[in-house]
Amino acid sequence: MSVENIVKKILDEAQTAARSINEKAQRDLEKMTSELDREEKELREASRKKTESEAEEIIKRRVSSARLEGRKRILGEKDMIVGEVYAEARGRILGLAEDRYLDFLRKLVVSYSAGGNEKVMLSQKDLVRFKGKLPQWEKELNGEASKKSKGSSIALSSETRNIEGGLVLSQGRTEINLSVDVILAETKYILEGEVTGILF
């Protein structure tokens, strides 16, 4: 299952929660507007002693300030939801069953491999976790890599990287960081507008 599919599934589940938060934010905004209306009436009463233009200016500033504050609150809640969606996606990817997780890693290598002689570096945790399955995984990976580009080989390195999950693909002095955190950060950057549109 690709990262985009996992994110889409989580987004679908988060839509209901997002609507609820939007409705709450709308009620809060309406409450604030109601309070502003009350304050406006009080200000109008108090402003009889002042000129009409001074009272109107005070009212406009207060209303404008309250609307701006309401928008900031809604934006903050939207950002919080989007962050929660990506945190859940991260947790689901890292919590995949072993075979599905190894398949996820294999697809990353095949997608990003440039051909030639490359090394795959995992996190220390994954290297230990999949130790018994890695020789077969490496063999299957090389089979796919040679289909994609003749003469290419991919070796699983005993060297690890300080990542939570995912891998680092290395060829010579070039490394491609395909850690789960980097992939999700890039996906979030690319899909941010689309995700916000789906949720809200």
N, C-alpha and C. Protein backbone atom coordinates (compact mmCIF):
# COMPACT_ATOMS: atom_id res chain seq x y z
N MET A 1 0.86 -1.18 0.00
CA MET A 1 0.00 0.00 0.00
C MET A 1 0.90 1.23 0.00
N SER A 2 0.68 2.13 -0.94
CA SER A 2 1.53 3.30 -1.06
C SER A 2 1.22 4.31 0.03
N VAL A 3 2.16 5.22 0.23
CA VAL A 3 1.99 6.28 1.23
C VAL A 3 0.76 7.11 0.89
N GLU A 4 0.57 7.42 -0.42
CA GLU A 4 -0.57 8.23 -0.81
C GLU A 4 -1.89 7.52 -0.47
N ASN A 5 -1.93 6.20 -0.68
CA ASN A 5 -3.16 5.46 -0.35
C ASN A 5 -3.42 5.47 1.15
N ILE A 6 -2.36 5.30 1.92
CA ILE A 6 -2.52 5.32 3.38
C ILE A 6 -3.00 6.69 3.82
N VAL A 7 -2.38 7.74 3.27
CA VAL A 7 -2.78 9.10 3.63
C VAL A 7 -4.23 9.34 3.22
N LYS A 8 -4.63 8.88 2.01
CA LYS A 8 -6.01 9.06 1.55
C LYS A 8 -6.98 8.36 2.49
N LYS A 9 -6.65 7.14 2.92
CA LYS A 9 -7.54 6.41 3.81
C LYS A 9 -7.69 7.16 5.13
N ILE A 10 -6.60 7.67 5.64
CA ILE A 10 -6.63 8.40 6.91
C ILE A 10 -7.41 9.70 6.73
N LEU A 11 -7.22 10.34 5.58
CA LEU A 11 -7.95 11.58 5.30
C LEU A 11 -9.45 11.33 5.29
N ASP A 12 -9.86 10.23 4.68
CA ASP A 12 -11.29 9.90 4.66
C ASP A 12 -11.82 9.75 6.08
N GLU A 13 -11.05 9.08 6.93
CA GLU A 13 -11.47 8.88 8.32
C GLU A 13 -11.46 10.20 9.09
N ALA A 14 -10.56 11.09 8.70
CA ALA A 14 -10.44 12.35 9.43
C ALA A 14 -11.47 13.39 8.98
N GLN A 15 -12.11 13.15 7.83
CA GLN A 15 -13.06 14.12 7.32
C GLN A 15 -14.19 14.37 8.30
N THR A 16 -14.71 13.32 8.90
CA THR A 16 -15.81 13.46 9.85
C THR A 16 -15.36 14.30 11.04
N ALA A 17 -14.19 14.00 11.55
CA ALA A 17 -13.68 14.78 12.68
C ALA A 17 -13.45 16.24 12.26
N ALA A 18 -13.00 16.45 11.04
CA ALA A 18 -12.75 17.81 10.57
C ALA A 18 -14.05 18.60 10.49
N ARG A 19 -15.11 17.96 10.00
CA ARG A 19 -16.40 18.64 9.93
C ARG A 19 -16.86 19.07 11.31
N SER A 20 -16.69 18.16 12.28
CA SER A 20 -17.10 18.46 13.65
C SER A 20 -16.33 19.66 14.20
N ILE A 21 -15.04 19.68 13.94
CA ILE A 21 -14.22 20.79 14.43
C ILE A 21 -14.60 22.09 13.71
N ASN A 22 -14.87 21.99 12.40
CA ASN A 22 -15.31 23.18 11.66
C ASN A 22 -16.62 23.71 12.21
N GLU A 23 -17.57 22.80 12.53
CA GLU A 23 -18.85 23.24 13.08
C GLU A 23 -18.65 23.91 14.43
N LYS A 24 -17.78 23.33 15.25
CA LYS A 24 -17.49 23.93 16.56
C LYS A 24 -16.88 25.31 16.37
N ALA A 25 -15.94 25.41 15.43
CA ALA A 25 -15.30 26.70 15.18
C ALA A 25 -16.33 27.72 14.68
N GLN A 26 -17.27 27.26 13.86
CA GLN A 26 -18.32 28.15 13.36
C GLN A 26 -19.20 28.61 14.51
N ARG A 27 -19.55 27.69 15.43
CA ARG A 27 -20.38 28.07 16.59
C ARG A 27 -19.63 29.07 17.45
N ASP A 28 -18.31 28.83 17.64
CA ASP A 28 -17.50 29.77 18.43
C ASP A 28 -17.49 31.15 17.78
N LEU A 29 -17.37 31.15 16.44
CA LEU A 29 -17.35 32.41 15.72
C LEU A 29 -18.70 33.12 15.85
N GLU A 30 -19.79 32.36 15.79
CA GLU A 30 -21.11 32.95 15.96
C GLU A 30 -21.29 33.49 17.38
N LYS A 31 -20.77 32.75 18.36
CA LYS A 31 -20.85 33.23 19.75
C LYS A 31 -20.08 34.54 19.90
N MET A 32 -18.87 34.56 19.30
CA MET A 32 -18.07 35.78 19.37
C MET A 32 -18.80 36.94 18.69
N THR A 33 -19.43 36.64 17.55
CA THR A 33 -20.18 37.67 16.83
C THR A 33 -21.33 38.18 17.68
N SER A 34 -22.02 37.26 18.37
CA SER A 34 -23.12 37.64 19.24
C SER A 34 -22.62 38.55 20.37
N GLU A 35 -21.48 38.18 20.94
CA GLU A 35 -20.91 39.00 22.00
C GLU A 35 -20.49 40.37 21.46
N LEU A 36 -20.00 40.37 20.24
CA LEU A 36 -19.62 41.64 19.63
C LEU A 36 -20.85 42.51 19.39
N ASP A 37 -21.93 41.88 18.97
CA ASP A 37 -23.17 42.64 18.78
C ASP A 37 -23.61 43.29 20.09
N ARG A 38 -23.52 42.50 21.18
CA ARG A 38 -23.88 43.04 22.49
C ARG A 38 -22.94 44.20 22.85
N GLU A 39 -21.63 43.99 22.65
CA GLU A 39 -20.68 45.06 22.94
C GLU A 39 -20.92 46.28 22.06
N GLU A 40 -21.30 46.02 20.83
CA GLU A 40 -21.58 47.11 19.91
C GLU A 40 -22.73 47.97 20.45
N LYS A 41 -23.78 47.31 20.94
CA LYS A 41 -24.91 48.05 21.50
C LYS A 41 -24.48 48.88 22.69
N GLU A 42 -23.64 48.27 23.54
CA GLU A 42 -23.15 49.00 24.72
C GLU A 42 -22.30 50.19 24.30
N LEU A 43 -21.44 49.96 23.30
CA LEU A 43 -20.61 51.06 22.81
C LEU A 43 -21.44 52.18 22.20
N ARG A 44 -22.46 51.80 21.46
CA ARG A 44 -23.33 52.82 20.86
C ARG A 44 -23.99 53.69 21.95
N GLU A 45 -24.41 53.01 23.01
CA GLU A 45 -25.04 53.74 24.11
C GLU A 45 -24.03 54.69 24.78
N ALA A 46 -22.83 54.16 25.01
CA ALA A 46 -21.81 54.98 25.67
C ALA A 46 -21.29 56.08 24.76
N SER A 47 -21.37 55.86 23.47
CA SER A 47 -20.79 56.83 22.55
C SER A 47 -21.69 58.02 22.24
N ARG A 48 -22.84 58.09 22.86
CA ARG A 48 -23.72 59.26 22.64
C ARG A 48 -22.99 60.55 22.96
N LYS A 49 -22.08 60.45 23.93
CA LYS A 49 -21.36 61.65 24.33
C LYS A 49 -20.26 61.98 23.32
N LYS A 50 -19.86 60.96 22.53
CA LYS A 50 -18.80 61.19 21.53
C LYS A 50 -19.44 61.45 20.19
N THR A 51 -18.66 61.84 19.30
CA THR A 51 -19.19 62.07 17.95
C THR A 51 -19.50 60.75 17.28
N GLU A 52 -20.38 60.77 16.33
CA GLU A 52 -20.83 59.55 15.63
C GLU A 52 -19.66 58.86 14.92
N SER A 53 -18.79 59.60 14.33
CA SER A 53 -17.68 59.01 13.59
C SER A 53 -16.69 58.29 14.50
N GLU A 54 -16.44 58.81 15.69
CA GLU A 54 -15.53 58.14 16.63
C GLU A 54 -16.09 56.80 17.06
N ALA A 55 -17.37 56.72 17.35
CA ALA A 55 -18.01 55.48 17.78
C ALA A 55 -17.95 54.43 16.68
N GLU A 56 -18.23 54.86 15.45
CA GLU A 56 -18.21 53.93 14.31
C GLU A 56 -16.81 53.35 14.12
N GLU A 57 -15.80 54.15 14.28
CA GLU A 57 -14.42 53.68 14.11
C GLU A 57 -14.06 52.64 15.16
N ILE A 58 -14.45 52.87 16.38
CA ILE A 58 -14.20 51.91 17.47
C ILE A 58 -14.90 50.59 17.17
N ILE A 59 -16.14 50.67 16.73
CA ILE A 59 -16.91 49.47 16.41
C ILE A 59 -16.25 48.70 15.27
N LYS A 60 -15.87 49.37 14.23
CA LYS A 60 -15.24 48.72 13.08
C LYS A 60 -13.95 48.01 13.48
N ARG A 61 -13.14 48.66 14.30
CA ARG A 61 -11.88 48.04 14.73
C ARG A 61 -12.13 46.79 15.56
N ARG A 62 -13.10 46.86 16.47
CA ARG A 62 -13.42 45.70 17.31
C ARG A 62 -13.94 44.53 16.48
N VAL A 63 -14.84 44.83 15.57
CA VAL A 63 -15.40 43.77 14.71
C VAL A 63 -14.30 43.17 13.85
N SER A 64 -13.48 44.02 13.27
CA SER A 64 -12.37 43.53 12.44
C SER A 64 -11.41 42.67 13.24
N SER A 65 -11.08 43.11 14.43
CA SER A 65 -10.17 42.36 15.30
C SER A 65 -10.77 41.00 15.68
N ALA A 66 -12.05 40.98 15.99
CA ALA A 66 -12.72 39.73 16.37
C ALA A 66 -12.77 38.76 15.19
N ARG A 67 -13.04 39.27 14.01
CA ARG A 67 -13.07 38.41 12.82
C ARG A 67 -11.69 37.83 12.55
N LEU A 68 -10.67 38.65 12.67
CA LEU A 68 -9.30 38.18 12.45
C LEU A 68 -8.95 37.10 13.47
N GLU A 69 -9.31 37.31 14.71
CA GLU A 69 -9.05 36.32 15.76
C GLU A 69 -9.78 35.02 15.46
N GLY A 70 -11.01 35.12 14.99
CA GLY A 70 -11.79 33.93 14.63
C GLY A 70 -11.13 33.15 13.50
N ARG A 71 -10.64 33.85 12.49
CA ARG A 71 -9.95 33.19 11.38
C ARG A 71 -8.67 32.51 11.85
N LYS A 72 -7.94 33.18 12.75
CA LYS A 72 -6.71 32.58 13.28
C LYS A 72 -7.01 31.28 14.03
N ARG A 73 -8.08 31.28 14.80
CA ARG A 73 -8.47 30.08 15.55
C ARG A 73 -8.80 28.93 14.61
N ILE A 74 -9.59 29.23 13.57
CA ILE A 74 -9.98 28.19 12.61
C ILE A 74 -8.75 27.65 11.90
N LEU A 75 -7.85 28.54 11.47
CA LEU A 75 -6.64 28.11 10.79
C LEU A 75 -5.78 27.24 11.71
N GLY A 76 -5.67 27.62 12.97
CA GLY A 76 -4.91 26.83 13.93
C GLY A 76 -5.49 25.44 14.10
N GLU A 77 -6.81 25.34 14.15
CA GLU A 77 -7.44 24.03 14.29
C GLU A 77 -7.25 23.20 13.04
N LYS A 78 -7.32 23.81 11.87
CA LYS A 78 -7.08 23.09 10.62
C LYS A 78 -5.65 22.55 10.58
N ASP A 79 -4.68 23.37 10.95
CA ASP A 79 -3.28 22.93 10.98
C ASP A 79 -3.10 21.76 11.94
N MET A 80 -3.78 21.83 13.08
CA MET A 80 -3.69 20.75 14.06
C MET A 80 -4.23 19.44 13.47
N ILE A 81 -5.35 19.50 12.77
CA ILE A 81 -5.94 18.30 12.17
C ILE A 81 -5.01 17.71 11.12
N VAL A 82 -4.47 18.55 10.25
CA VAL A 82 -3.57 18.07 9.21
C VAL A 82 -2.35 17.41 9.85
N GLY A 83 -1.82 18.00 10.90
CA GLY A 83 -0.69 17.39 11.62
C GLY A 83 -1.05 16.04 12.20
N GLU A 84 -2.25 15.92 12.75
CA GLU A 84 -2.70 14.65 13.32
C GLU A 84 -2.85 13.59 12.23
N VAL A 85 -3.33 13.98 11.06
CA VAL A 85 -3.50 13.04 9.95
C VAL A 85 -2.14 12.46 9.56
N TYR A 86 -1.14 13.33 9.43
CA TYR A 86 0.19 12.84 9.04
C TYR A 86 0.84 12.03 10.17
N ALA A 87 0.59 12.37 11.40
CA ALA A 87 1.12 11.58 12.51
C ALA A 87 0.50 10.19 12.50
N GLU A 88 -0.79 10.12 12.20
CA GLU A 88 -1.44 8.81 12.13
C GLU A 88 -0.91 8.00 10.95
N ALA A 89 -0.69 8.66 9.81
CA ALA A 89 -0.13 7.97 8.65
C ALA A 89 1.25 7.40 8.99
N ARG A 90 2.05 8.18 9.68
CA ARG A 90 3.39 7.73 10.09
C ARG A 90 3.29 6.50 10.99
N GLY A 91 2.37 6.57 11.96
CA GLY A 91 2.19 5.44 12.86
C GLY A 91 1.74 4.19 12.14
N ARG A 92 0.84 4.36 11.18
CA ARG A 92 0.36 3.20 10.44
C ARG A 92 1.45 2.58 9.57
N ILE A 93 2.25 3.41 8.95
CA ILE A 93 3.34 2.87 8.12
C ILE A 93 4.33 2.11 8.99
N LEU A 94 4.75 2.73 10.08
CA LEU A 94 5.73 2.08 10.96
C LEU A 94 5.15 0.84 11.63
N GLY A 95 3.81 0.76 11.73
CA GLY A 95 3.16 -0.38 12.38
C GLY A 95 2.70 -1.46 11.41
N LEU A 96 3.06 -1.33 10.13
CA LEU A 96 2.67 -2.36 9.16
C LEU A 96 3.22 -3.73 9.57
N ALA A 97 2.50 -4.78 9.20
CA ALA A 97 2.99 -6.15 9.42
C ALA A 97 4.33 -6.30 8.69
N GLU A 98 5.17 -7.21 9.17
CA GLU A 98 6.53 -7.33 8.63
C GLU A 98 6.57 -7.48 7.12
N ASP A 99 5.78 -8.39 6.56
CA ASP A 99 5.82 -8.61 5.11
C ASP A 99 5.37 -7.37 4.34
N ARG A 100 4.34 -6.70 4.83
CA ARG A 100 3.86 -5.49 4.15
C ARG A 100 4.89 -4.36 4.26
N TYR A 101 5.55 -4.27 5.41
CA TYR A 101 6.56 -3.23 5.60
C TYR A 101 7.75 -3.48 4.67
N LEU A 102 8.19 -4.74 4.59
CA LEU A 102 9.31 -5.06 3.69
C LEU A 102 8.92 -4.81 2.24
N ASP A 103 7.67 -5.07 1.88
CA ASP A 103 7.19 -4.78 0.53
C ASP A 103 7.20 -3.27 0.28
N PHE A 104 6.81 -2.50 1.30
CA PHE A 104 6.85 -1.04 1.22
C PHE A 104 8.29 -0.57 0.97
N LEU A 105 9.26 -1.14 1.71
CA LEU A 105 10.66 -0.76 1.52
C LEU A 105 11.16 -1.17 0.13
N ARG A 106 10.76 -2.36 -0.32
CA ARG A 106 11.16 -2.83 -1.65
C ARG A 106 10.67 -1.86 -2.72
N LYS A 107 9.42 -1.44 -2.61
CA LYS A 107 8.86 -0.51 -3.60
C LYS A 107 9.60 0.83 -3.59
N LEU A 108 10.03 1.26 -2.41
CA LEU A 108 10.81 2.50 -2.34
C LEU A 108 12.12 2.36 -3.12
N VAL A 109 12.82 1.24 -2.87
CA VAL A 109 14.12 1.03 -3.53
C VAL A 109 13.92 0.96 -5.04
N VAL A 110 12.96 0.17 -5.49
CA VAL A 110 12.72 0.02 -6.93
C VAL A 110 12.35 1.36 -7.55
N SER A 111 11.53 2.13 -6.88
CA SER A 111 11.10 3.43 -7.42
C SER A 111 12.25 4.44 -7.53
N TYR A 112 13.14 4.44 -6.56
CA TYR A 112 14.17 5.47 -6.50
C TYR A 112 15.55 5.01 -6.97
N SER A 113 15.68 3.74 -7.28
CA SER A 113 16.97 3.22 -7.71
C SER A 113 17.35 3.82 -9.06
N ALA A 114 18.61 4.25 -9.16
CA ALA A 114 19.10 4.83 -10.40
C ALA A 114 19.83 3.80 -11.25
N GLY A 115 19.92 2.57 -10.76
CA GLY A 115 20.69 1.54 -11.45
C GLY A 115 22.14 1.62 -11.03
N GLY A 116 22.90 0.63 -11.36
CA GLY A 116 24.30 0.60 -10.95
C GLY A 116 24.44 -0.14 -9.64
N ASN A 117 25.51 0.12 -8.93
CA ASN A 117 25.76 -0.53 -7.64
C ASN A 117 25.31 0.38 -6.52
N GLU A 118 24.28 -0.05 -5.82
CA GLU A 118 23.71 0.77 -4.76
C GLU A 118 23.67 -0.02 -3.46
N LYS A 119 23.63 0.75 -2.36
CA LYS A 119 23.51 0.15 -1.03
C LYS A 119 22.23 0.64 -0.39
N VAL A 120 21.62 -0.26 0.38
CA VAL A 120 20.44 0.08 1.15
C VAL A 120 20.84 0.07 2.62
N MET A 121 20.56 1.18 3.32
CA MET A 121 20.85 1.27 4.74
C MET A 121 19.54 1.47 5.50
N LEU A 122 19.30 0.60 6.47
CA LEU A 122 18.09 0.66 7.28
C LEU A 122 18.40 1.29 8.62
N SER A 123 17.37 1.45 9.42
CA SER A 123 17.59 1.86 10.81
C SER A 123 18.12 0.65 11.57
N GLN A 124 18.77 0.89 12.68
CA GLN A 124 19.27 -0.21 13.51
C GLN A 124 18.10 -1.10 13.94
N LYS A 125 17.00 -0.49 14.29
CA LYS A 125 15.82 -1.23 14.74
C LYS A 125 15.31 -2.18 13.65
N ASP A 126 15.19 -1.68 12.40
CA ASP A 126 14.70 -2.52 11.31
C ASP A 126 15.70 -3.60 10.94
N LEU A 127 16.98 -3.29 11.01
CA LEU A 127 18.01 -4.27 10.69
C LEU A 127 17.92 -5.46 11.64
N VAL A 128 17.68 -5.18 12.91
CA VAL A 128 17.54 -6.26 13.90
C VAL A 128 16.19 -6.95 13.73
N ARG A 129 15.14 -6.17 13.55
CA ARG A 129 13.78 -6.71 13.46
C ARG A 129 13.61 -7.70 12.30
N PHE A 130 14.22 -7.41 11.15
CA PHE A 130 14.01 -8.23 9.96
C PHE A 130 15.21 -9.09 9.61
N LYS A 131 16.12 -9.27 10.54
CA LYS A 131 17.38 -9.96 10.26
C LYS A 131 17.19 -11.28 9.52
N GLY A 132 16.24 -12.09 9.95
CA GLY A 132 16.03 -13.39 9.32
C GLY A 132 15.43 -13.30 7.93
N LYS A 133 14.73 -12.24 7.62
CA LYS A 133 14.05 -12.11 6.33
C LYS A 133 14.86 -11.30 5.31
N LEU A 134 15.88 -10.63 5.77
CA LEU A 134 16.60 -9.72 4.89
C LEU A 134 17.37 -10.39 3.75
N PRO A 135 17.99 -11.55 3.95
CA PRO A 135 18.69 -12.18 2.81
C PRO A 135 17.75 -12.46 1.63
N GLN A 136 16.58 -13.01 1.92
CA GLN A 136 15.60 -13.30 0.85
C GLN A 136 15.09 -12.00 0.24
N TRP A 137 14.86 -11.00 1.08
CA TRP A 137 14.39 -9.70 0.61
C TRP A 137 15.42 -9.07 -0.34
N GLU A 138 16.70 -9.16 0.05
CA GLU A 138 17.77 -8.60 -0.78
C GLU A 138 17.84 -9.33 -2.13
N LYS A 139 17.67 -10.64 -2.11
CA LYS A 139 17.70 -11.44 -3.33
C LYS A 139 16.55 -11.02 -4.26
N GLU A 140 15.36 -10.91 -3.73
CA GLU A 140 14.20 -10.50 -4.53
C GLU A 140 14.38 -9.08 -5.06
N LEU A 141 14.95 -8.23 -4.24
CA LEU A 141 15.19 -6.84 -4.62
C LEU A 141 16.15 -6.77 -5.80
N ASN A 142 17.21 -7.56 -5.75
CA ASN A 142 18.18 -7.58 -6.85
C ASN A 142 17.55 -8.12 -8.13
N GLY A 143 16.65 -9.09 -7.99
CA GLY A 143 15.95 -9.60 -9.16
C GLY A 143 15.14 -8.50 -9.84
N GLU A 144 14.44 -7.74 -9.06
CA GLU A 144 13.65 -6.63 -9.62
C GLU A 144 14.54 -5.54 -10.19
N ALA A 145 15.62 -5.23 -9.49
CA ALA A 145 16.54 -4.17 -9.95
C ALA A 145 17.18 -4.54 -11.27
N SER A 146 17.56 -5.83 -11.43
CA SER A 146 18.20 -6.23 -12.69
C SER A 146 17.20 -6.22 -13.84
N LYS A 147 15.92 -6.43 -13.55
CA LYS A 147 14.89 -6.31 -14.60
C LYS A 147 14.77 -4.86 -15.04
N LYS A 148 14.85 -3.97 -14.09
CA LYS A 148 14.70 -2.54 -14.38
C LYS A 148 15.93 -2.00 -15.12
N SER A 149 17.11 -2.43 -14.70
CA SER A 149 18.34 -1.93 -15.30
C SER A 149 19.39 -3.04 -15.26
N LYS A 150 19.75 -3.57 -16.45
CA LYS A 150 20.71 -4.67 -16.50
C LYS A 150 22.03 -4.27 -15.88
N GLY A 151 22.61 -5.20 -15.14
CA GLY A 151 23.92 -4.96 -14.52
C GLY A 151 23.85 -4.22 -13.20
N SER A 152 22.67 -3.84 -12.79
CA SER A 152 22.59 -3.12 -11.51
C SER A 152 22.52 -4.13 -10.37
N SER A 153 23.02 -3.72 -9.24
CA SER A 153 22.95 -4.57 -8.05
C SER A 153 22.69 -3.69 -6.84
N ILE A 154 21.96 -4.27 -5.92
CA ILE A 154 21.63 -3.56 -4.69
C ILE A 154 22.06 -4.43 -3.52
N ALA A 155 22.88 -3.86 -2.67
CA ALA A 155 23.39 -4.61 -1.51
C ALA A 155 22.82 -4.02 -0.23
N LEU A 156 22.42 -4.90 0.65
CA LEU A 156 21.96 -4.46 1.96
C LEU A 156 23.19 -4.23 2.82
N SER A 157 23.35 -3.02 3.29
CA SER A 157 24.51 -2.66 4.08
C SER A 157 24.29 -2.99 5.55
N SER A 158 25.36 -3.37 6.22
CA SER A 158 25.28 -3.57 7.68
C SER A 158 25.36 -2.22 8.38
N GLU A 159 25.72 -1.20 7.62
CA GLU A 159 25.77 0.18 8.13
C GLU A 159 24.32 0.66 8.29
N THR A 160 24.03 1.36 9.37
CA THR A 160 22.67 1.83 9.61
C THR A 160 22.63 3.36 9.58
N ARG A 161 21.43 3.88 9.54
CA ARG A 161 21.22 5.32 9.60
C ARG A 161 20.28 5.62 10.76
N ASN A 162 20.42 6.81 11.30
CA ASN A 162 19.62 7.24 12.44
C ASN A 162 18.25 7.74 11.94
N ILE A 163 17.41 6.78 11.57
CA ILE A 163 16.06 7.07 11.09
C ILE A 163 15.11 6.17 11.84
N GLU A 164 13.84 6.57 11.90
CA GLU A 164 12.84 5.79 12.62
C GLU A 164 12.37 4.61 11.78
N GLY A 165 12.18 4.81 10.51
CA GLY A 165 11.72 3.77 9.60
C GLY A 165 12.01 4.21 8.18
N GLY A 166 11.85 3.29 7.23
CA GLY A 166 12.21 3.59 5.86
C GLY A 166 13.64 3.19 5.62
N LEU A 167 14.33 3.88 4.73
CA LEU A 167 15.70 3.50 4.40
C LEU A 167 16.44 4.67 3.78
N VAL A 168 17.74 4.46 3.59
CA VAL A 168 18.58 5.42 2.86
C VAL A 168 19.21 4.63 1.73
N LEU A 169 19.08 5.11 0.51
CA LEU A 169 19.63 4.48 -0.68
C LEU A 169 20.90 5.23 -1.05
N SER A 170 22.00 4.48 -1.19
CA SER A 170 23.30 5.12 -1.40
C SER A 170 23.96 4.58 -2.65
N GLN A 171 24.57 5.50 -3.41
CA GLN A 171 25.39 5.11 -4.56
C GLN A 171 26.58 6.05 -4.57
N GLY A 172 27.74 5.50 -4.25
CA GLY A 172 28.93 6.33 -4.16
C GLY A 172 28.78 7.34 -3.04
N ARG A 173 28.93 8.60 -3.38
CA ARG A 173 28.82 9.66 -2.37
C ARG A 173 27.40 10.24 -2.27
N THR A 174 26.51 9.71 -3.10
CA THR A 174 25.14 10.22 -3.13
C THR A 174 24.23 9.35 -2.28
N GLU A 175 23.46 9.98 -1.42
CA GLU A 175 22.48 9.26 -0.61
C GLU A 175 21.11 9.88 -0.82
N ILE A 176 20.11 9.01 -0.92
CA ILE A 176 18.73 9.46 -1.01
C ILE A 176 18.05 9.03 0.28
N ASN A 177 17.60 10.00 1.04
CA ASN A 177 16.94 9.71 2.32
C ASN A 177 15.47 9.37 2.04
N LEU A 178 15.14 8.10 2.21
CA LEU A 178 13.77 7.62 2.00
C LEU A 178 13.17 7.18 3.33
N SER A 179 13.54 7.90 4.38
CA SER A 179 12.96 7.59 5.69
C SER A 179 11.48 7.97 5.67
N VAL A 180 10.71 7.32 6.51
CA VAL A 180 9.27 7.58 6.57
C VAL A 180 9.02 9.06 6.85
N ASP A 181 9.79 9.65 7.75
CA ASP A 181 9.58 11.07 8.08
C ASP A 181 9.82 11.98 6.88
N VAL A 182 10.86 11.71 6.10
CA VAL A 182 11.17 12.54 4.94
C VAL A 182 10.10 12.35 3.85
N ILE A 183 9.70 11.10 3.62
CA ILE A 183 8.67 10.83 2.61
C ILE A 183 7.37 11.54 2.98
N LEU A 184 6.96 11.44 4.24
CA LEU A 184 5.73 12.10 4.66
C LEU A 184 5.85 13.62 4.60
N ALA A 185 7.01 14.15 4.94
CA ALA A 185 7.21 15.61 4.86
C ALA A 185 7.09 16.08 3.41
N GLU A 186 7.69 15.33 2.48
CA GLU A 186 7.60 15.69 1.07
C GLU A 186 6.16 15.55 0.57
N THR A 187 5.51 14.47 0.97
CA THR A 187 4.12 14.25 0.57
C THR A 187 3.24 15.35 1.13
N LYS A 188 3.47 15.73 2.37
CA LYS A 188 2.68 16.79 2.99
C LYS A 188 2.87 18.09 2.23
N TYR A 189 4.10 18.40 1.86
CA TYR A 189 4.38 19.63 1.12
C TYR A 189 3.68 19.62 -0.23
N ILE A 190 3.75 18.48 -0.94
CA ILE A 190 3.16 18.37 -2.27
C ILE A 190 1.64 18.40 -2.20
N LEU A 191 1.07 17.70 -1.22
CA LEU A 191 -0.39 17.53 -1.16
C LEU A 191 -1.10 18.48 -0.20
N GLU A 192 -0.38 19.41 0.40
CA GLU A 192 -0.95 20.24 1.46
C GLU A 192 -2.25 20.92 1.05
N GLY A 193 -2.26 21.55 -0.10
CA GLY A 193 -3.48 22.21 -0.56
C GLY A 193 -4.61 21.24 -0.80
N GLU A 194 -4.29 20.09 -1.42
CA GLU A 194 -5.29 19.08 -1.70
C GLU A 194 -5.87 18.49 -0.42
N VAL A 195 -4.98 18.20 0.55
CA VAL A 195 -5.42 17.63 1.83
C VAL A 195 -6.34 18.62 2.55
N THR A 196 -5.95 19.87 2.57
CA THR A 196 -6.77 20.88 3.24
C THR A 196 -8.12 20.98 2.55
N GLY A 197 -8.12 20.92 1.21
CA GLY A 197 -9.38 20.97 0.48
C GLY A 197 -10.29 19.78 0.79
N ILE A 198 -9.72 18.59 0.94
CA ILE A 198 -10.50 17.39 1.25
C ILE A 198 -11.07 17.49 2.66
N LEU A 199 -10.25 17.90 3.60
CA LEU A 199 -10.69 17.95 5.00
C LEU A 199 -11.68 19.09 5.26
N PHE A 200 -11.52 20.19 4.56
CA PHE A 200 -12.32 21.36 4.89
C PHE A 200 -13.06 21.85 3.66
